[in-house]
Amino acid sequence: MRGPDHTCLAGVGALRGCPKRHETRVQTPGVAFTPVARTQSLYVCRACGGEALKWQGQCARCREWDSLEAVTGVTAVRGARERGTAAAASAGLGDGVGDPAAAARLSLGMAEIDRAFGGGLVAGSVTLLGGEPGIGKSTLLLQVASALAAGRVIVYASGEESVPQIGLRARRLDLSGAQLLLVSDSSLDAILALAVERQPTLLVIDSIQAMQLAANDSSPGSPLQLRDCTAALVRHAKSSGCAVIIVGHVTKDGSIAGPKLLEHLVDTVLYFESDAGSRYRMLRATKNRFGLVNELGFSAMSAGGLKEVRNPSAIFLSRQPQPVPGSVVMVARDGGRPLLIEVQALVDRSRFGTPRRVAQGVDVNRVSMLLAIMSRHADLPLADYDVFVNLVGGIAIAETSTDLPLALALASSLRGRALPASPVVFGELGLTGEVRPVAHGEERLRELMKLGYRHVILPRDNLPRSPPAGVALHPVASLGEALAAAFTES
């Protein structure tokens, strides 16, 4: 009597005479084979989230010692039924996918916050919000949840505060919301079960480092737990249409704690930033699938919570009644908006062997390059001077339009003379001393006109075809021309 057929994973005929141990599958004649999930052990690094099939003393990815933890995972064998799910969920661009009417954004209560989100909250989106401790992340999200709860169900889940503590903060901020549900629980399974039952428009998780899934036996905050919790929230958002905002802790260098995979999984990554001791807050989008990257939203922290700043340029301008040496106003573009920012430079004779180069808000390597350009093409030797550069307000600008304002501020400090007409300056400097044009020149001109400035030094190639009325434009093509235009009495 013929026995059941055996199939070796290594291939037909590999069982006979093969020294290796192979997995066998028993096939009964006339009965279809059903794939079975198999369990295996996996070791995950607590520091970086790297995986290894066997335990070892040092993580191969981050070189951290004694950081691997055993995790039991299940590897599922995909069958024919799973292969049909992608076709069922597919749709063509001609089928109304991405219709703006179907994807209406929800306002978050403040225009500056809406700007950072790309115009408002998108249904089914997942946002990761990071920032320093005490900067106001929970305050911001409680205000957002209260604003949306006027006519919608909102769930605010906290794993770090109790419900009475959240209520005390809400009363201090004078917030209300009839359909705002406050939850204090670290079990993500229970929170998702509540979300499935109540079908909220927005689910807030504060914070992801405090959440834990029952299927994962690692501790809360571990890389594997963070990854699985975030993936579960992404699946819930995409399947239900509920928007999710996740609070993430940051490390000492300012990046979001946990594996980088968290930022890849979510749709939007926002950083809450602030200068030390300042009441102003900047919400910056470093990733946004539904809007512009590097968009900024400005707000101010007060006793009643966060208030939006309608004129952000006023934060970055000087309060000096008269022009002073080393100060120049520039118009820079950060994200999708132009901003007027004061550039301050201080040049002092070096009292040590090596001159110092200190820059706040700009790249110090670019400052060193500007010093070389000024020495070669403007006869302004600064090799024996300490140079300090600062952008007022604590903002950081990475675009090249800061080159010409920085050069004029440094020259003003070195000569001890203020720029006579207090011009607004923008432009890029090349290594040969030429002034190169920058993008969005006309938008910059419109912004400085709104704040009452009437003298502009700009690249010659940025000169508009129809100059605006009431504004004195000084187009320049080289650093020498810019210095002559800046120190000439008007």
Protein backbone atom coordinates (compact mmCIF):
# COMPACT_ATOMS: atom_id res chain seq x y z
CA MET A 1 0.00 0.00 0.00
CA ARG A 2 1.42 3.34 -1.01
CA GLY A 3 2.02 5.76 1.82
CA PRO A 4 1.49 9.54 1.82
CA ASP A 5 3.62 11.68 -0.51
CA HIS A 6 6.50 13.71 0.99
CA THR A 7 7.67 17.03 -0.45
CA CYS A 8 11.06 18.42 0.51
CA LEU A 9 11.58 22.20 0.46
CA ALA A 10 15.06 21.67 -0.97
CA GLY A 11 13.65 20.10 -4.15
CA VAL A 12 12.40 16.79 -5.57
CA GLY A 13 14.64 13.88 -4.66
CA ALA A 14 16.59 15.84 -2.07
CA LEU A 15 15.50 13.61 0.79
CA ARG A 16 17.35 10.58 -0.40
CA GLY A 17 20.98 10.75 0.55
CA CYS A 18 20.87 14.43 1.61
CA PRO A 19 22.88 15.12 4.80
CA LYS A 20 20.94 18.28 5.68
CA ARG A 21 17.77 18.33 7.72
CA HIS A 22 14.82 19.52 5.63
CA GLU A 23 11.27 20.48 6.44
CA THR A 24 8.76 17.97 5.10
CA ARG A 25 5.14 18.37 4.24
CA VAL A 26 2.75 15.42 4.28
CA GLN A 27 0.28 15.40 1.42
CA THR A 28 -2.74 13.11 1.66
CA PRO A 29 -4.08 12.06 -1.76
CA GLY A 30 -7.21 13.97 -2.72
CA VAL A 31 -6.83 16.59 0.04
CA ALA A 32 -5.70 20.14 -0.82
CA PHE A 33 -2.64 21.40 1.03
CA THR A 34 -3.27 24.34 3.42
CA PRO A 35 -0.32 26.63 4.23
CA VAL A 36 0.45 26.79 7.96
CA ALA A 37 2.06 29.73 9.75
CA ARG A 38 5.33 28.85 11.44
CA THR A 39 6.81 30.42 14.55
CA GLN A 40 10.43 31.54 14.78
CA SER A 41 12.61 33.45 17.24
CA LEU A 42 14.01 36.85 16.35
CA TYR A 43 16.42 39.12 18.22
CA VAL A 44 15.84 42.88 18.06
CA CYS A 45 18.24 45.61 19.21
CA ARG A 46 16.86 47.94 21.89
CA ALA A 47 18.94 50.86 20.59
CA CYS A 48 18.39 50.90 16.83
CA GLY A 49 15.73 48.27 16.07
CA GLY A 50 18.12 46.09 14.07
CA GLU A 51 17.19 42.41 13.72
CA ALA A 52 19.27 39.24 13.96
CA LEU A 53 18.34 35.59 13.59
CA LYS A 54 20.53 34.53 16.54
CA TRP A 55 21.74 36.21 19.71
CA GLN A 56 25.11 37.92 19.67
CA GLY A 57 26.88 40.15 22.16
CA GLN A 58 27.08 43.20 19.89
CA CYS A 59 24.52 44.62 17.48
CA ALA A 60 25.90 44.43 13.94
CA ARG A 61 24.18 47.69 12.94
CA CYS A 62 24.80 50.18 15.77
CA ARG A 63 27.64 48.35 17.60
CA GLU A 64 25.81 48.55 20.93
CA TRP A 65 26.77 45.82 23.42
CA ASP A 66 24.24 43.51 25.12
CA SER A 67 21.25 45.17 23.42
CA LEU A 68 19.58 42.22 21.62
CA GLU A 69 16.27 40.97 23.00
CA ALA A 70 14.50 37.76 21.98
CA VAL A 71 11.11 38.27 20.34
CA THR A 72 8.83 35.52 19.15
CA GLY A 73 7.39 36.31 15.75
CA VAL A 74 5.06 34.46 13.39
CA THR A 75 5.93 34.18 9.73
CA ALA A 76 2.74 33.61 7.74
CA VAL A 77 2.73 31.71 4.46
CA ARG A 78 0.78 33.67 1.89
CA GLY A 79 -1.89 31.74 0.04
CA ALA A 80 -3.90 32.37 -3.04
CA ARG A 81 -6.57 34.22 -1.08
CA GLU A 82 -4.05 36.87 0.09
CA ARG A 83 -2.78 37.45 -3.46
CA GLY A 84 -6.19 38.73 -4.50
CA THR A 85 -6.41 41.62 -2.02
CA ALA A 86 -4.27 44.07 -4.01
CA ALA A 87 -6.45 43.74 -7.11
CA ALA A 88 -9.59 44.30 -5.06
CA ALA A 89 -8.19 47.57 -3.62
CA SER A 90 -6.82 48.94 -6.90
CA ALA A 91 -8.31 51.92 -8.75
CA GLY A 92 -7.38 54.03 -11.74
CA LEU A 93 -6.70 57.76 -11.79
CA GLY A 94 -9.71 58.20 -14.05
CA ASP A 95 -12.06 56.76 -11.43
CA GLY A 96 -12.20 59.95 -9.36
CA VAL A 97 -9.20 59.09 -7.18
CA GLY A 98 -7.89 62.21 -5.42
CA ASP A 99 -11.03 64.27 -5.99
CA PRO A 100 -10.62 67.50 -3.94
CA ALA A 101 -14.32 67.46 -3.04
CA ALA A 102 -13.96 63.98 -1.52
CA ALA A 103 -10.77 64.87 0.33
CA ALA A 104 -11.85 68.08 2.04
CA ARG A 105 -9.46 69.22 4.76
CA LEU A 106 -10.52 69.99 8.31
CA SER A 107 -9.42 73.25 9.89
CA LEU A 108 -7.52 72.80 13.16
CA GLY A 109 -8.67 76.09 14.66
CA MET A 110 -5.59 78.21 13.81
CA ALA A 111 -4.53 79.29 10.33
CA GLU A 112 -0.83 78.93 11.16
CA ILE A 113 -1.32 75.33 12.30
CA ASP A 114 -3.34 74.59 9.16
CA ARG A 115 -0.45 75.98 7.09
CA ALA A 116 2.04 73.58 8.69
CA PHE A 117 -0.30 70.65 7.98
CA GLY A 118 -0.49 71.70 4.31
CA GLY A 119 -3.88 73.42 4.50
CA GLY A 120 -5.65 71.40 7.16
CA LEU A 121 -6.14 67.85 8.39
CA VAL A 122 -6.66 65.11 5.78
CA ALA A 123 -8.98 62.23 6.65
CA GLY A 124 -7.10 58.96 7.11
CA SER A 125 -3.73 60.68 7.47
CA VAL A 126 -1.14 59.82 10.13
CA THR A 127 0.97 62.64 11.59
CA LEU A 128 4.02 62.31 13.84
CA LEU A 129 4.66 65.33 16.09
CA GLY A 130 8.00 65.73 17.87
CA GLY A 131 9.53 68.39 20.09
CA GLU A 132 11.47 69.09 23.25
CA PRO A 133 9.86 68.28 26.63
CA GLY A 134 7.66 71.11 27.87
CA ILE A 135 7.53 72.94 24.54
CA GLY A 136 3.74 72.58 24.31
CA LYS A 137 2.96 69.47 22.24
CA SER A 138 0.17 68.26 24.54
CA THR A 139 -1.22 71.79 24.85
CA LEU A 140 -1.35 72.16 21.08
CA LEU A 141 -3.07 68.82 20.52
CA LEU A 142 -5.60 69.42 23.30
CA GLN A 143 -6.50 72.75 21.69
CA VAL A 144 -6.79 71.08 18.28
CA ALA A 145 -8.95 68.27 19.69
CA SER A 146 -11.22 70.77 21.45
CA ALA A 147 -11.66 72.84 18.28
CA LEU A 148 -12.62 69.78 16.22
CA ALA A 149 -14.89 68.31 18.93
CA ALA A 150 -17.52 71.02 18.38
CA GLY A 151 -19.34 68.81 15.88
CA ARG A 152 -17.32 65.58 15.69
CA VAL A 153 -16.23 62.70 17.91
CA ILE A 154 -12.57 63.08 18.93
CA VAL A 155 -10.56 60.62 21.04
CA TYR A 156 -7.57 61.95 23.02
CA ALA A 157 -5.62 59.02 24.46
CA SER A 158 -2.77 59.62 26.88
CA GLY A 159 -0.45 57.03 28.33
CA GLU A 160 1.36 59.56 30.53
CA GLU A 161 -1.45 61.54 32.21
CA SER A 162 -4.64 60.59 34.00
CA VAL A 163 -8.02 61.87 32.86
CA PRO A 164 -8.34 64.32 35.80
CA GLN A 165 -4.93 65.77 34.96
CA ILE A 166 -5.94 66.31 31.33
CA GLY A 167 -9.18 67.87 32.55
CA LEU A 168 -7.27 70.31 34.77
CA ARG A 169 -5.21 71.45 31.80
CA ALA A 170 -8.34 71.81 29.67
CA ARG A 171 -10.01 74.00 32.31
CA ARG A 172 -6.87 76.12 32.66
CA LEU A 173 -6.94 76.71 28.90
CA ASP A 174 -10.73 77.30 28.98
CA LEU A 175 -11.38 74.46 26.53
CA SER A 176 -14.53 72.47 26.07
CA GLY A 177 -15.87 69.81 23.75
CA ALA A 178 -19.05 67.82 24.18
CA GLN A 179 -17.77 64.96 22.00
CA LEU A 180 -14.14 65.00 23.15
CA LEU A 181 -13.39 61.63 24.78
CA LEU A 182 -10.41 61.58 27.16
CA VAL A 183 -8.71 58.22 27.67
CA SER A 184 -5.87 57.34 30.02
CA ASP A 185 -4.50 53.96 28.96
CA SER A 186 -1.23 52.53 27.67
CA SER A 187 -2.88 49.56 25.94
CA LEU A 188 -3.11 50.32 22.24
CA ASP A 189 -5.42 47.34 21.75
CA ALA A 190 -8.02 48.91 24.07
CA ILE A 191 -7.63 52.33 22.44
CA LEU A 192 -8.11 50.91 18.93
CA ALA A 193 -11.15 48.92 20.13
CA LEU A 194 -12.67 52.16 21.43
CA ALA A 195 -11.86 53.90 18.14
CA VAL A 196 -13.57 51.14 16.16
CA GLU A 197 -16.64 51.43 18.40
CA ARG A 198 -16.98 55.24 18.44
CA GLN A 199 -15.62 56.01 14.91
CA PRO A 200 -13.87 59.30 15.79
CA THR A 201 -12.75 61.85 13.21
CA LEU A 202 -9.41 62.28 14.98
CA LEU A 203 -7.43 59.99 17.27
CA VAL A 204 -4.61 61.58 19.30
CA ILE A 205 -1.93 59.33 20.83
CA ASP A 206 0.17 61.01 23.54
CA SER A 207 2.71 59.49 23.32
CA ILE A 208 3.72 56.53 21.16
CA GLN A 209 6.57 55.70 23.58
CA ALA A 210 3.99 54.89 26.28
CA MET A 211 1.86 52.55 24.14
CA GLN A 212 2.02 48.75 24.08
CA LEU A 213 0.45 45.98 22.01
CA ALA A 214 -0.50 42.74 23.76
CA ALA A 215 0.89 40.64 20.89
CA ASN A 216 4.34 42.14 21.41
CA ASP A 217 6.09 41.11 24.61
CA SER A 218 8.79 43.80 24.46
CA SER A 219 8.69 46.77 26.82
CA PRO A 220 6.96 50.07 25.91
CA GLY A 221 9.29 52.43 24.07
CA SER A 222 11.46 49.68 22.59
CA PRO A 223 12.16 49.91 18.83
CA LEU A 224 10.07 46.83 18.03
CA GLN A 225 7.14 48.06 20.14
CA LEU A 226 7.29 51.51 18.53
CA ARG A 227 7.34 50.00 15.07
CA ASP A 228 4.42 47.63 15.68
CA CYS A 229 2.28 50.27 17.44
CA THR A 230 2.83 52.80 14.66
CA ALA A 231 2.07 50.21 11.99
CA ALA A 232 -1.17 49.29 13.78
CA LEU A 233 -2.22 52.96 13.91
CA VAL A 234 -1.42 53.39 10.21
CA ARG A 235 -3.55 50.36 9.31
CA HIS A 236 -6.45 51.68 11.39
CA ALA A 237 -6.24 55.15 9.82
CA LYS A 238 -6.15 53.85 6.24
CA SER A 239 -8.97 51.37 6.75
CA SER A 240 -11.32 53.61 8.74
CA GLY A 241 -10.56 57.11 7.41
CA CYS A 242 -9.82 58.34 10.94
CA ALA A 243 -7.00 60.88 11.10
CA VAL A 244 -4.29 60.02 13.66
CA ILE A 245 -1.80 62.36 15.33
CA ILE A 246 1.03 60.69 17.25
CA VAL A 247 3.28 62.44 19.76
CA GLY A 248 6.89 61.24 19.65
CA HIS A 249 9.64 61.89 22.19
CA VAL A 250 12.93 63.30 20.96
CA THR A 251 16.51 62.37 21.77
CA LYS A 252 19.15 64.75 23.12
CA ASP A 253 20.18 65.70 19.57
CA GLY A 254 16.61 66.73 18.69
CA SER A 255 15.60 63.80 16.45
CA ILE A 256 12.51 61.68 17.13
CA ALA A 257 13.32 58.73 19.38
CA GLY A 258 13.00 55.24 17.96
CA PRO A 259 13.80 53.66 14.62
CA LYS A 260 13.76 55.84 11.50
CA LEU A 261 11.04 53.56 10.19
CA LEU A 262 8.48 55.58 12.19
CA GLU A 263 9.02 58.60 9.95
CA HIS A 264 8.74 56.43 6.84
CA LEU A 265 5.43 54.91 7.98
CA VAL A 266 3.55 58.14 8.66
CA ASP A 267 2.27 60.69 6.15
CA THR A 268 3.45 63.87 7.89
CA VAL A 269 6.32 64.60 10.28
CA LEU A 270 6.13 67.85 12.26
CA TYR A 271 8.69 69.32 14.65
CA PHE A 272 7.75 71.82 17.34
CA GLU A 273 10.67 74.26 17.68
CA SER A 274 11.47 77.20 19.94
CA ASP A 275 14.43 79.35 20.86
CA ALA A 276 15.56 78.97 24.48
CA GLY A 277 13.59 81.31 26.72
CA SER A 278 11.32 82.51 23.92
CA ARG A 279 7.55 82.35 24.04
CA TYR A 280 7.31 81.90 20.28
CA ARG A 281 6.84 78.44 18.77
CA MET A 282 7.50 77.26 15.22
CA LEU A 283 5.79 74.17 13.81
CA ARG A 284 7.88 72.89 10.89
CA ALA A 285 6.85 70.15 8.43
CA THR A 286 9.87 68.02 7.49
CA LYS A 287 7.73 65.49 5.60
CA ASN A 288 4.26 65.97 4.17
CA ARG A 289 2.56 63.78 1.58
CA PHE A 290 -0.32 66.25 1.34
CA GLY A 291 1.48 69.61 1.31
CA LEU A 292 4.74 71.52 1.09
CA VAL A 293 7.83 70.37 2.96
CA ASN A 294 9.56 72.85 5.33
CA GLU A 295 6.34 74.84 5.71
CA LEU A 296 6.28 76.85 8.93
CA GLY A 297 3.48 77.80 11.29
CA PHE A 298 4.10 80.40 14.01
CA SER A 299 2.39 80.67 17.39
CA ALA A 300 3.04 82.22 20.79
CA MET A 301 2.65 80.52 24.16
CA SER A 302 0.52 82.42 26.66
CA ALA A 303 -1.33 81.68 29.90
CA GLY A 304 -4.36 80.71 27.83
CA GLY A 305 -2.47 78.35 25.53
CA LEU A 306 -1.05 78.80 22.05
CA LYS A 307 -2.11 81.84 20.01
CA GLU A 308 -1.30 82.16 16.33
CA VAL A 309 1.06 84.91 15.15
CA ARG A 310 -0.51 86.65 12.16
CA ASN A 311 2.61 88.67 11.23
CA PRO A 312 5.63 86.36 11.78
CA SER A 313 8.10 88.85 10.28
CA ALA A 314 7.62 91.08 13.33
CA ILE A 315 9.30 88.39 15.48
CA PHE A 316 12.54 88.56 13.52
CA LEU A 317 12.95 92.33 13.11
CA SER A 318 14.95 94.70 15.30
CA ARG A 319 13.40 97.09 17.81
CA GLN A 320 16.27 99.60 17.40
CA PRO A 321 15.04 103.19 16.82
CA GLN A 322 18.09 103.98 14.61
CA PRO A 323 20.20 101.82 12.26
CA VAL A 324 23.24 100.30 13.97
CA PRO A 325 26.47 98.85 12.52
CA GLY A 326 26.38 95.15 11.77
CA SER A 327 22.59 94.95 11.30
CA VAL A 328 20.90 94.25 7.96
CA VAL A 329 17.32 93.23 7.16
CA MET A 330 16.96 90.43 4.63
CA VAL A 331 13.93 88.80 3.05
CA ALA A 332 14.31 85.02 3.10
CA ARG A 333 11.97 82.27 2.05
CA ASP A 334 11.29 79.39 4.42
CA GLY A 335 8.77 76.85 3.21
CA GLY A 336 6.10 78.58 1.14
CA ARG A 337 6.28 82.07 2.61
CA PRO A 338 8.78 84.98 2.54
CA LEU A 339 9.98 86.28 5.92
CA LEU A 340 11.75 89.50 6.85
CA ILE A 341 14.60 88.64 9.24
CA GLU A 342 17.27 90.81 10.82
CA VAL A 343 20.85 89.59 10.29
CA GLN A 344 23.31 90.66 12.98
CA ALA A 345 27.09 90.39 12.60
CA LEU A 346 29.91 91.27 14.99
CA VAL A 347 33.55 91.52 13.88
CA ASP A 348 36.20 91.89 16.59
CA ARG A 349 39.99 91.70 16.60
CA SER A 350 41.04 88.19 17.63
CA ARG A 351 42.89 87.99 20.94
CA PHE A 352 43.93 84.38 20.51
CA GLY A 353 45.95 82.46 17.96
CA THR A 354 42.98 81.07 16.03
CA PRO A 355 40.07 83.41 15.13
CA ARG A 356 36.62 82.19 16.14
CA ARG A 357 33.75 81.62 13.69
CA VAL A 358 30.35 81.38 15.42
CA ALA A 359 27.07 81.25 13.50
CA GLN A 360 23.50 80.94 14.82
CA GLY A 361 20.79 80.19 12.25
CA VAL A 362 23.14 79.80 9.24
CA ASP A 363 25.75 77.28 8.20
CA VAL A 364 29.13 78.15 9.72
CA ASN A 365 30.90 76.64 6.69
CA ARG A 366 29.04 79.03 4.41
CA VAL A 367 30.12 81.93 6.62
CA SER A 368 33.75 80.85 6.18
CA MET A 369 33.23 80.79 2.42
CA LEU A 370 31.77 84.32 2.50
CA LEU A 371 34.80 85.57 4.45
CA ALA A 372 37.08 84.22 1.72
CA ILE A 373 34.98 85.88 -1.01
CA MET A 374 35.05 89.22 0.82
CA SER A 375 38.81 89.03 1.30
CA ARG A 376 39.48 88.21 -2.35
CA HIS A 377 36.91 90.35 -4.20
CA ALA A 378 36.17 93.26 -1.82
CA ASP A 379 39.54 93.81 -0.12
CA LEU A 380 37.99 93.19 3.30
CA PRO A 381 40.49 90.94 5.11
CA LEU A 382 38.83 89.26 8.07
CA ALA A 383 41.38 86.50 8.68
CA ASP A 384 42.58 88.07 11.96
CA TYR A 385 39.09 88.85 13.32
CA ASP A 386 36.60 86.89 15.39
CA VAL A 387 33.32 86.68 13.48
CA PHE A 388 29.91 86.18 15.11
CA VAL A 389 26.71 85.88 13.06
CA ASN A 390 23.14 85.59 14.36
CA LEU A 391 19.62 85.53 12.91
CA VAL A 392 17.21 87.29 15.27
CA GLY A 393 14.39 85.16 16.67
CA GLY A 394 16.17 81.81 16.73
CA ILE A 395 15.14 80.76 13.23
CA ALA A 396 17.42 78.71 10.97
CA ILE A 397 17.57 79.50 7.23
CA ALA A 398 19.25 77.14 4.80
CA GLU A 399 18.70 78.92 1.47
CA THR A 400 21.43 80.87 -0.33
CA SER A 401 19.64 84.24 -0.34
CA THR A 402 21.34 84.95 3.00
CA ASP A 403 24.77 85.36 1.35
CA LEU A 404 24.56 89.01 0.32
CA PRO A 405 22.90 90.23 3.58
CA LEU A 406 25.56 88.42 5.63
CA ALA A 407 28.38 89.98 3.59
CA LEU A 408 26.94 93.49 4.00
CA ALA A 409 26.39 92.99 7.74
CA LEU A 410 29.98 91.83 8.18
CA ALA A 411 31.28 94.81 6.19
CA SER A 412 29.11 97.17 8.25
CA SER A 413 30.49 95.79 11.52
CA LEU A 414 34.08 95.90 10.28
CA ARG A 415 33.77 99.52 9.14
CA GLY A 416 31.72 100.55 12.17
CA ARG A 417 29.11 102.18 9.92
CA ALA A 418 25.40 101.48 9.69
CA LEU A 419 23.80 101.12 6.28
CA PRO A 420 22.39 104.65 5.62
CA ALA A 421 19.07 103.89 3.97
CA SER A 422 18.32 100.71 5.99
CA PRO A 423 17.78 98.65 2.83
CA VAL A 424 16.34 95.16 2.64
CA VAL A 425 18.84 92.83 0.99
CA PHE A 426 18.70 89.41 -0.65
CA GLY A 427 20.93 87.55 -3.11
CA GLU A 428 23.41 84.72 -3.52
CA LEU A 429 27.17 85.22 -3.81
CA GLY A 430 29.33 83.18 -6.15
CA LEU A 431 32.98 82.31 -5.60
CA THR A 432 34.02 84.81 -8.28
CA GLY A 433 32.28 87.66 -6.43
CA GLU A 434 29.18 87.82 -8.63
CA VAL A 435 25.68 88.29 -7.19
CA ARG A 436 23.42 85.51 -8.42
CA PRO A 437 19.61 85.61 -8.57
CA VAL A 438 17.37 83.66 -6.19
CA ALA A 439 13.91 82.16 -6.66
CA HIS A 440 10.62 83.96 -5.97
CA GLY A 441 12.06 87.48 -6.23
CA GLU A 442 8.71 89.22 -6.82
CA GLU A 443 7.12 87.52 -3.79
CA ARG A 444 9.96 88.83 -1.64
CA LEU A 445 9.37 92.35 -2.94
CA ARG A 446 5.67 92.18 -2.14
CA GLU A 447 6.38 91.02 1.42
CA LEU A 448 8.80 93.85 2.23
CA MET A 449 6.43 96.41 0.72
CA LYS A 450 3.67 95.24 3.09
CA LEU A 451 5.89 96.12 6.06
CA GLY A 452 6.75 99.58 4.73
CA TYR A 453 10.32 99.12 3.46
CA ARG A 454 11.21 101.30 0.46
CA HIS A 455 14.89 100.54 -0.31
CA VAL A 456 16.01 97.18 -1.72
CA ILE A 457 19.39 95.82 -2.82
CA LEU A 458 18.77 92.81 -5.03
CA PRO A 459 20.47 90.79 -7.79
CA ARG A 460 20.28 92.36 -11.21
CA ASP A 461 18.63 89.27 -12.67
CA ASN A 462 15.85 89.53 -10.05
CA LEU A 463 14.84 93.01 -11.21
CA PRO A 464 11.14 92.84 -12.16
CA ARG A 465 9.96 93.96 -15.57
CA SER A 466 7.51 96.38 -13.98
CA PRO A 467 9.17 97.88 -10.85
CA PRO A 468 6.69 98.51 -8.01
CA ALA A 469 5.80 102.12 -7.37
CA GLY A 470 7.31 103.86 -4.34
CA VAL A 471 10.21 101.41 -3.91
CA ALA A 472 13.83 102.28 -4.72
CA LEU A 473 15.45 99.23 -6.29
CA HIS A 474 19.25 98.94 -6.45
CA PRO A 475 20.15 96.04 -8.74
CA VAL A 476 23.74 94.79 -8.39
CA ALA A 477 25.83 92.25 -10.28
CA SER A 478 28.89 91.95 -8.02
CA LEU A 479 29.88 92.24 -4.38
CA GLY A 480 31.70 95.53 -5.10
CA GLU A 481 28.54 97.06 -6.55
CA ALA A 482 26.53 95.87 -3.55
CA LEU A 483 28.94 97.48 -1.10
CA ALA A 484 28.86 100.73 -3.04
CA ALA A 485 25.04 100.75 -3.13
CA ALA A 486 24.76 99.87 0.58
CA PHE A 487 27.06 102.62 1.91
CA THR A 488 25.94 105.38 -0.44
CA GLU A 489 23.76 108.06 1.10
CA SER A 490 20.38 108.15 -0.64
